Amino acid sequence: MKAKTIAVIVLIVLAIILILQNTGVVEYSVLFWKISMSRIIWLILILLVGFISGYLVAMQRGQKQ
């Protein structure tokens, strides 16, 4: 296996462990609203936003070269 593949697998496993350990319900204040949701959902949303933005930045850099 390539080092990049191993690094991605390790990061995915760490993300899954992090998500599964944070199952409590938390309350977030966004402007005038209060949102209550499971910490798992919040972490998954943050991870997805991070992966998508990283992918889009990589695609932009690939097109410029």
PDB file of N, CA and C in Angstrom:
ATOM      1  N   MET A   1       0.837  -1.193   0.000  1.00  0.00           N
ATOM      2  CA  MET A   1       0.000   0.000   0.000  1.00  0.00           C
ATOM      3  C   MET A   1       0.876   1.248   0.000  1.00  0.00           C
ATOM      4  N   LYS A   2       0.361   2.275  -0.605  1.00  0.00           N
ATOM      5  CA  LYS A   2       1.073   3.553  -0.626  1.00  0.00           C
ATOM      6  C   LYS A   2       0.887   4.277   0.702  1.00  0.00           C
ATOM      7  N   ALA A   3       1.826   5.155   0.994  1.00  0.00           N
ATOM      8  CA  ALA A   3       1.779   5.901   2.252  1.00  0.00           C
ATOM      9  C   ALA A   3       0.536   6.793   2.322  1.00  0.00           C
ATOM     10  N   LYS A   4       0.132   7.339   1.196  1.00  0.00           N
ATOM     11  CA  LYS A   4      -1.046   8.211   1.174  1.00  0.00           C
ATOM     12  C   LYS A   4      -2.312   7.421   1.524  1.00  0.00           C
ATOM     13  N   THR A   5      -2.428   6.208   1.015  1.00  0.00           N
ATOM     14  CA  THR A   5      -3.583   5.366   1.302  1.00  0.00           C
ATOM     15  C   THR A   5      -3.634   5.003   2.779  1.00  0.00           C
ATOM     16  N   ILE A   6      -2.485   4.661   3.345  1.00  0.00           N
ATOM     17  CA  ILE A   6      -2.424   4.319   4.761  1.00  0.00           C
ATOM     18  C   ILE A   6      -2.798   5.526   5.620  1.00  0.00           C
ATOM     19  N   ALA A   7      -2.320   6.705   5.246  1.00  0.00           N
ATOM     20  CA  ALA A   7      -2.635   7.916   5.997  1.00  0.00           C
ATOM     21  C   ALA A   7      -4.129   8.213   5.959  1.00  0.00           C
ATOM     22  N   VAL A   8      -4.762   8.031   4.816  1.00  0.00           N
ATOM     23  CA  VAL A   8      -6.196   8.273   4.693  1.00  0.00           C
ATOM     24  C   VAL A   8      -6.975   7.272   5.547  1.00  0.00           C
ATOM     25  N   ILE A   9      -6.574   6.005   5.529  1.00  0.00           N
ATOM     26  CA  ILE A   9      -7.249   4.988   6.338  1.00  0.00           C
ATOM     27  C   ILE A   9      -7.119   5.312   7.823  1.00  0.00           C
ATOM     28  N   VAL A  10      -5.925   5.720   8.259  1.00  0.00           N
ATOM     29  CA  VAL A  10      -5.712   6.073   9.661  1.00  0.00           C
ATOM     30  C   VAL A  10      -6.582   7.260  10.054  1.00  0.00           C
ATOM     31  N   LEU A  11      -6.659   8.269   9.200  1.00  0.00           N
ATOM     32  CA  LEU A  11      -7.494   9.438   9.491  1.00  0.00           C
ATOM     33  C   LEU A  11      -8.968   9.077   9.562  1.00  0.00           C
ATOM     34  N   ILE A  12      -9.417   8.202   8.691  1.00  0.00           N
ATOM     35  CA  ILE A  12     -10.822   7.787   8.718  1.00  0.00           C
ATOM     36  C   ILE A  12     -11.131   7.021  10.003  1.00  0.00           C
ATOM     37  N   VAL A  13     -10.230   6.123  10.406  1.00  0.00           N
ATOM     38  CA  VAL A  13     -10.442   5.369  11.636  1.00  0.00           C
ATOM     39  C   VAL A  13     -10.468   6.307  12.842  1.00  0.00           C
ATOM     40  N   LEU A  14      -9.552   7.269  12.889  1.00  0.00           N
ATOM     41  CA  LEU A  14      -9.534   8.231  13.992  1.00  0.00           C
ATOM     42  C   LEU A  14     -10.813   9.070  14.018  1.00  0.00           C
ATOM     43  N   ALA A  15     -11.302   9.462  12.851  1.00  0.00           N
ATOM     44  CA  ALA A  15     -12.542  10.241  12.782  1.00  0.00           C
ATOM     45  C   ALA A  15     -13.725   9.413  13.292  1.00  0.00           C
ATOM     46  N   ILE A  16     -13.782   8.141  12.932  1.00  0.00           N
ATOM     47  CA  ILE A  16     -14.871   7.279  13.394  1.00  0.00           C
ATOM     48  C   ILE A  16     -14.819   7.120  14.911  1.00  0.00           C
ATOM     49  N   ILE A  17     -13.624   6.918  15.459  1.00  0.00           N
ATOM     50  CA  ILE A  17     -13.484   6.796  16.914  1.00  0.00           C
ATOM     51  C   ILE A  17     -13.923   8.083  17.602  1.00  0.00           C
ATOM     52  N   LEU A  18     -13.504   9.218  17.072  1.00  0.00           N
ATOM     53  CA  LEU A  18     -13.876  10.509  17.647  1.00  0.00           C
ATOM     54  C   LEU A  18     -15.388  10.702  17.624  1.00  0.00           C
ATOM     55  N   ILE A  19     -16.011  10.363  16.528  1.00  0.00           N
ATOM     56  CA  ILE A  19     -17.458  10.535  16.397  1.00  0.00           C
ATOM     57  C   ILE A  19     -18.212   9.622  17.357  1.00  0.00           C
ATOM     58  N   LEU A  20     -17.787   8.364  17.470  1.00  0.00           N
ATOM     59  CA  LEU A  20     -18.496   7.418  18.323  1.00  0.00           C
ATOM     60  C   LEU A  20     -18.352   7.729  19.809  1.00  0.00           C
ATOM     61  N   GLN A  21     -17.302   8.440  20.198  1.00  0.00           N
ATOM     62  CA  GLN A  21     -17.116   8.782  21.598  1.00  0.00           C
ATOM     63  C   GLN A  21     -17.908  10.022  22.019  1.00  0.00           C
ATOM     64  N   ASN A  22     -18.450  10.749  21.075  1.00  0.00           N
ATOM     65  CA  ASN A  22     -19.175  11.985  21.384  1.00  0.00           C
ATOM     66  C   ASN A  22     -20.645  11.835  20.998  1.00  0.00           C
ATOM     67  N   THR A  23     -21.407  11.188  21.876  1.00  0.00           N
ATOM     68  CA  THR A  23     -22.802  10.904  21.548  1.00  0.00           C
ATOM     69  C   THR A  23     -23.797  11.808  22.275  1.00  0.00           C
ATOM     70  N   GLY A  24     -23.333  12.727  23.095  1.00  0.00           N
ATOM     71  CA  GLY A  24     -24.238  13.574  23.869  1.00  0.00           C
ATOM     72  C   GLY A  24     -24.957  14.603  23.028  1.00  0.00           C
ATOM     73  N   VAL A  25     -26.037  15.133  23.573  1.00  0.00           N
ATOM     74  CA  VAL A  25     -26.793  16.197  22.913  1.00  0.00           C
ATOM     75  C   VAL A  25     -26.259  17.539  23.402  1.00  0.00           C
ATOM     76  N   VAL A  26     -26.015  18.433  22.469  1.00  0.00           N
ATOM     77  CA  VAL A  26     -25.510  19.760  22.810  1.00  0.00           C
ATOM     78  C   VAL A  26     -26.407  20.816  22.186  1.00  0.00           C
ATOM     79  N   GLU A  27     -26.339  22.011  22.730  1.00  0.00           N
ATOM     80  CA  GLU A  27     -27.148  23.120  22.238  1.00  0.00           C
ATOM     81  C   GLU A  27     -26.224  24.198  21.682  1.00  0.00           C
ATOM     82  N   TYR A  28     -26.505  24.639  20.459  1.00  0.00           N
ATOM     83  CA  TYR A  28     -25.726  25.671  19.801  1.00  0.00           C
ATOM     84  C   TYR A  28     -26.590  26.914  19.614  1.00  0.00           C
ATOM     85  N   SER A  29     -25.997  28.055  19.811  1.00  0.00           N
ATOM     86  CA  SER A  29     -26.697  29.317  19.564  1.00  0.00           C
ATOM     87  C   SER A  29     -26.165  29.908  18.266  1.00  0.00           C
ATOM     88  N   VAL A  30     -27.079  30.098  17.317  1.00  0.00           N
ATOM     89  CA  VAL A  30     -26.726  30.683  16.034  1.00  0.00           C
ATOM     90  C   VAL A  30     -27.602  31.913  15.857  1.00  0.00           C
ATOM     91  N   LEU A  31     -26.992  33.079  15.980  1.00  0.00           N
ATOM     92  CA  LEU A  31     -27.693  34.349  15.933  1.00  0.00           C
ATOM     93  C   LEU A  31     -28.828  34.350  16.960  1.00  0.00           C
ATOM     94  N   PHE A  32     -30.082  34.259  16.503  1.00  0.00           N
ATOM     95  CA  PHE A  32     -31.225  34.313  17.412  1.00  0.00           C
ATOM     96  C   PHE A  32     -31.829  32.944  17.685  1.00  0.00           C
ATOM     97  N   TRP A  33     -31.285  31.903  17.069  1.00  0.00           N
ATOM     98  CA  TRP A  33     -31.846  30.570  17.202  1.00  0.00           C
ATOM     99  C   TRP A  33     -30.982  29.725  18.121  1.00  0.00           C
ATOM    100  N   LYS A  34     -31.633  28.791  18.777  1.00  0.00           N
ATOM    101  CA  LYS A  34     -30.909  27.783  19.555  1.00  0.00           C
ATOM    102  C   LYS A  34     -31.193  26.430  18.920  1.00  0.00           C
ATOM    103  N   ILE A  35     -30.131  25.733  18.591  1.00  0.00           N
ATOM    104  CA  ILE A  35     -30.246  24.447  17.911  1.00  0.00           C
ATOM    105  C   ILE A  35     -29.738  23.365  18.847  1.00  0.00           C
ATOM    106  N   SER A  36     -30.553  22.349  19.083  1.00  0.00           N
ATOM    107  CA  SER A  36     -30.136  21.191  19.873  1.00  0.00           C
ATOM    108  C   SER A  36     -29.987  20.009  18.933  1.00  0.00           C
ATOM    109  N   MET A  37     -28.828  19.407  18.944  1.00  0.00           N
ATOM    110  CA  MET A  37     -28.604  18.236  18.100  1.00  0.00           C
ATOM    111  C   MET A  37     -27.543  17.357  18.734  1.00  0.00           C
ATOM    112  N   SER A  38     -27.491  16.139  18.277  1.00  0.00           N
ATOM    113  CA  SER A  38     -26.497  15.198  18.758  1.00  0.00           C
ATOM    114  C   SER A  38     -25.111  15.652  18.296  1.00  0.00           C
ATOM    115  N   ARG A  39     -24.135  15.475  19.147  1.00  0.00           N
ATOM    116  CA  ARG A  39     -22.771  15.859  18.807  1.00  0.00           C
ATOM    117  C   ARG A  39     -22.243  15.033  17.632  1.00  0.00           C
ATOM    118  N   ILE A  40     -22.747  13.812  17.479  1.00  0.00           N
ATOM    119  CA  ILE A  40     -22.338  12.970  16.354  1.00  0.00           C
ATOM    120  C   ILE A  40     -22.700  13.643  15.031  1.00  0.00           C
ATOM    121  N   ILE A  41     -23.934  14.131  14.931  1.00  0.00           N
ATOM    122  CA  ILE A  41     -24.381  14.783  13.694  1.00  0.00           C
ATOM    123  C   ILE A  41     -23.548  16.021  13.423  1.00  0.00           C
ATOM    124  N   TRP A  42     -23.272  16.803  14.460  1.00  0.00           N
ATOM    125  CA  TRP A  42     -22.483  18.018  14.305  1.00  0.00           C
ATOM    126  C   TRP A  42     -21.077  17.697  13.795  1.00  0.00           C
ATOM    127  N   LEU A  43     -20.442  16.683  14.383  1.00  0.00           N
ATOM    128  CA  LEU A  43     -19.091  16.309  13.958  1.00  0.00           C
ATOM    129  C   LEU A  43     -19.065  15.777  12.530  1.00  0.00           C
ATOM    130  N   ILE A  44     -20.080  14.997  12.166  1.00  0.00           N
ATOM    131  CA  ILE A  44     -20.149  14.489  10.795  1.00  0.00           C
ATOM    132  C   ILE A  44     -20.311  15.641   9.808  1.00  0.00           C
ATOM    133  N   LEU A  45     -21.152  16.603  10.139  1.00  0.00           N
ATOM    134  CA  LEU A  45     -21.320  17.770   9.255  1.00  0.00           C
ATOM    135  C   LEU A  45     -20.022  18.551   9.101  1.00  0.00           C
ATOM    136  N   ILE A  46     -19.309  18.755  10.203  1.00  0.00           N
ATOM    137  CA  ILE A  46     -18.044  19.484  10.146  1.00  0.00           C
ATOM    138  C   ILE A  46     -17.019  18.722   9.306  1.00  0.00           C
ATOM    139  N   LEU A  47     -16.945  17.397   9.498  1.00  0.00           N
ATOM    140  CA  LEU A  47     -16.015  16.592   8.705  1.00  0.00           C
ATOM    141  C   LEU A  47     -16.353  16.643   7.215  1.00  0.00           C
ATOM    142  N   LEU A  48     -17.633  16.557   6.885  1.00  0.00           N
ATOM    143  CA  LEU A  48     -18.038  16.620   5.477  1.00  0.00           C
ATOM    144  C   LEU A  48     -17.694  17.970   4.853  1.00  0.00           C
ATOM    145  N   VAL A  49     -17.938  19.043   5.588  1.00  0.00           N
ATOM    146  CA  VAL A  49     -17.594  20.372   5.075  1.00  0.00           C
ATOM    147  C   VAL A  49     -16.084  20.477   4.853  1.00  0.00           C
ATOM    148  N   GLY A  50     -15.304  19.934   5.775  1.00  0.00           N
ATOM    149  CA  GLY A  50     -13.856  19.963   5.636  1.00  0.00           C
ATOM    150  C   GLY A  50     -13.365  19.154   4.445  1.00  0.00           C
ATOM    151  N   PHE A  51     -13.903  17.946   4.271  1.00  0.00           N
ATOM    152  CA  PHE A  51     -13.500  17.116   3.140  1.00  0.00           C
ATOM    153  C   PHE A  51     -13.900  17.750   1.811  1.00  0.00           C
ATOM    154  N   ILE A  52     -15.109  18.274   1.741  1.00  0.00           N
ATOM    155  CA  ILE A  52     -15.578  18.887   0.492  1.00  0.00           C
ATOM    156  C   ILE A  52     -14.763  20.129   0.155  1.00  0.00           C
ATOM    157  N   SER A  53     -14.493  20.974   1.148  1.00  0.00           N
ATOM    158  CA  SER A  53     -13.705  22.181   0.856  1.00  0.00           C
ATOM    159  C   SER A  53     -12.276  21.809   0.471  1.00  0.00           C
ATOM    160  N   GLY A  54     -11.687  20.804   1.108  1.00  0.00           N
ATOM    161  CA  GLY A  54     -10.356  20.357   0.731  1.00  0.00           C
ATOM    162  C   GLY A  54     -10.321  19.800  -0.676  1.00  0.00           C
ATOM    163  N   TYR A  55     -11.350  19.047  -1.041  1.00  0.00           N
ATOM    164  CA  TYR A  55     -11.445  18.495  -2.388  1.00  0.00           C
ATOM    165  C   TYR A  55     -11.578  19.604  -3.432  1.00  0.00           C
ATOM    166  N   LEU A  56     -12.416  20.591  -3.134  1.00  0.00           N
ATOM    167  CA  LEU A  56     -12.603  21.696  -4.086  1.00  0.00           C
ATOM    168  C   LEU A  56     -11.324  22.511  -4.262  1.00  0.00           C
ATOM    169  N   VAL A  57     -10.596  22.738  -3.181  1.00  0.00           N
ATOM    170  CA  VAL A  57      -9.328  23.472  -3.281  1.00  0.00           C
ATOM    171  C   VAL A  57      -8.325  22.667  -4.103  1.00  0.00           C
ATOM    172  N   ALA A  58      -8.273  21.367  -3.896  1.00  0.00           N
ATOM    173  CA  ALA A  58      -7.359  20.517  -4.658  1.00  0.00           C
ATOM    174  C   ALA A  58      -7.724  20.512  -6.133  1.00  0.00           C
ATOM    175  N   MET A  59      -9.011  20.505  -6.434  1.00  0.00           N
ATOM    176  CA  MET A  59      -9.452  20.536  -7.833  1.00  0.00           C
ATOM    177  C   MET A  59      -9.072  21.861  -8.485  1.00  0.00           C
ATOM    178  N   GLN A  60      -9.217  22.977  -7.760  1.00  0.00           N
ATOM    179  CA  GLN A  60      -8.863  24.278  -8.307  1.00  0.00           C
ATOM    180  C   GLN A  60      -7.362  24.362  -8.600  1.00  0.00           C
ATOM    181  N   ARG A  61      -6.555  23.863  -7.697  1.00  0.00           N
ATOM    182  CA  ARG A  61      -5.101  23.885  -7.904  1.00  0.00           C
ATOM    183  C   ARG A  61      -4.693  22.985  -9.057  1.00  0.00           C
ATOM    184  N   GLY A  62      -5.390  21.892  -9.234  1.00  0.00           N
ATOM    185  CA  GLY A  62      -5.094  20.967 -10.334  1.00  0.00           C
ATOM    186  C   GLY A  62      -5.431  21.555 -11.683  1.00  0.00           C
ATOM    187  N   GLN A  63      -6.447  22.390 -11.767  1.00  0.00           N
ATOM    188  CA  GLN A  63      -6.849  22.997 -13.037  1.00  0.00           C
ATOM    189  C   GLN A  63      -5.933  24.127 -13.446  1.00  0.00           C
ATOM    190  N   LYS A  64      -5.314  24.812 -12.478  1.00  0.00           N
ATOM    191  CA  LYS A  64      -4.445  25.947 -12.800  1.00  0.00           C
ATOM    192  C   LYS A  64      -3.113  25.509 -13.394  1.00  0.00           C
ATOM    193  N   GLN A  65      -2.672  24.297 -13.090  1.00  0.00           N
ATOM    194  CA  GLN A  65      -1.368  23.864 -13.568  1.00  0.00           C
ATOM    195  C   GLN A  65      -1.414  23.299 -14.947  1.00  0.00           C
TER     196      GLN A  65
END
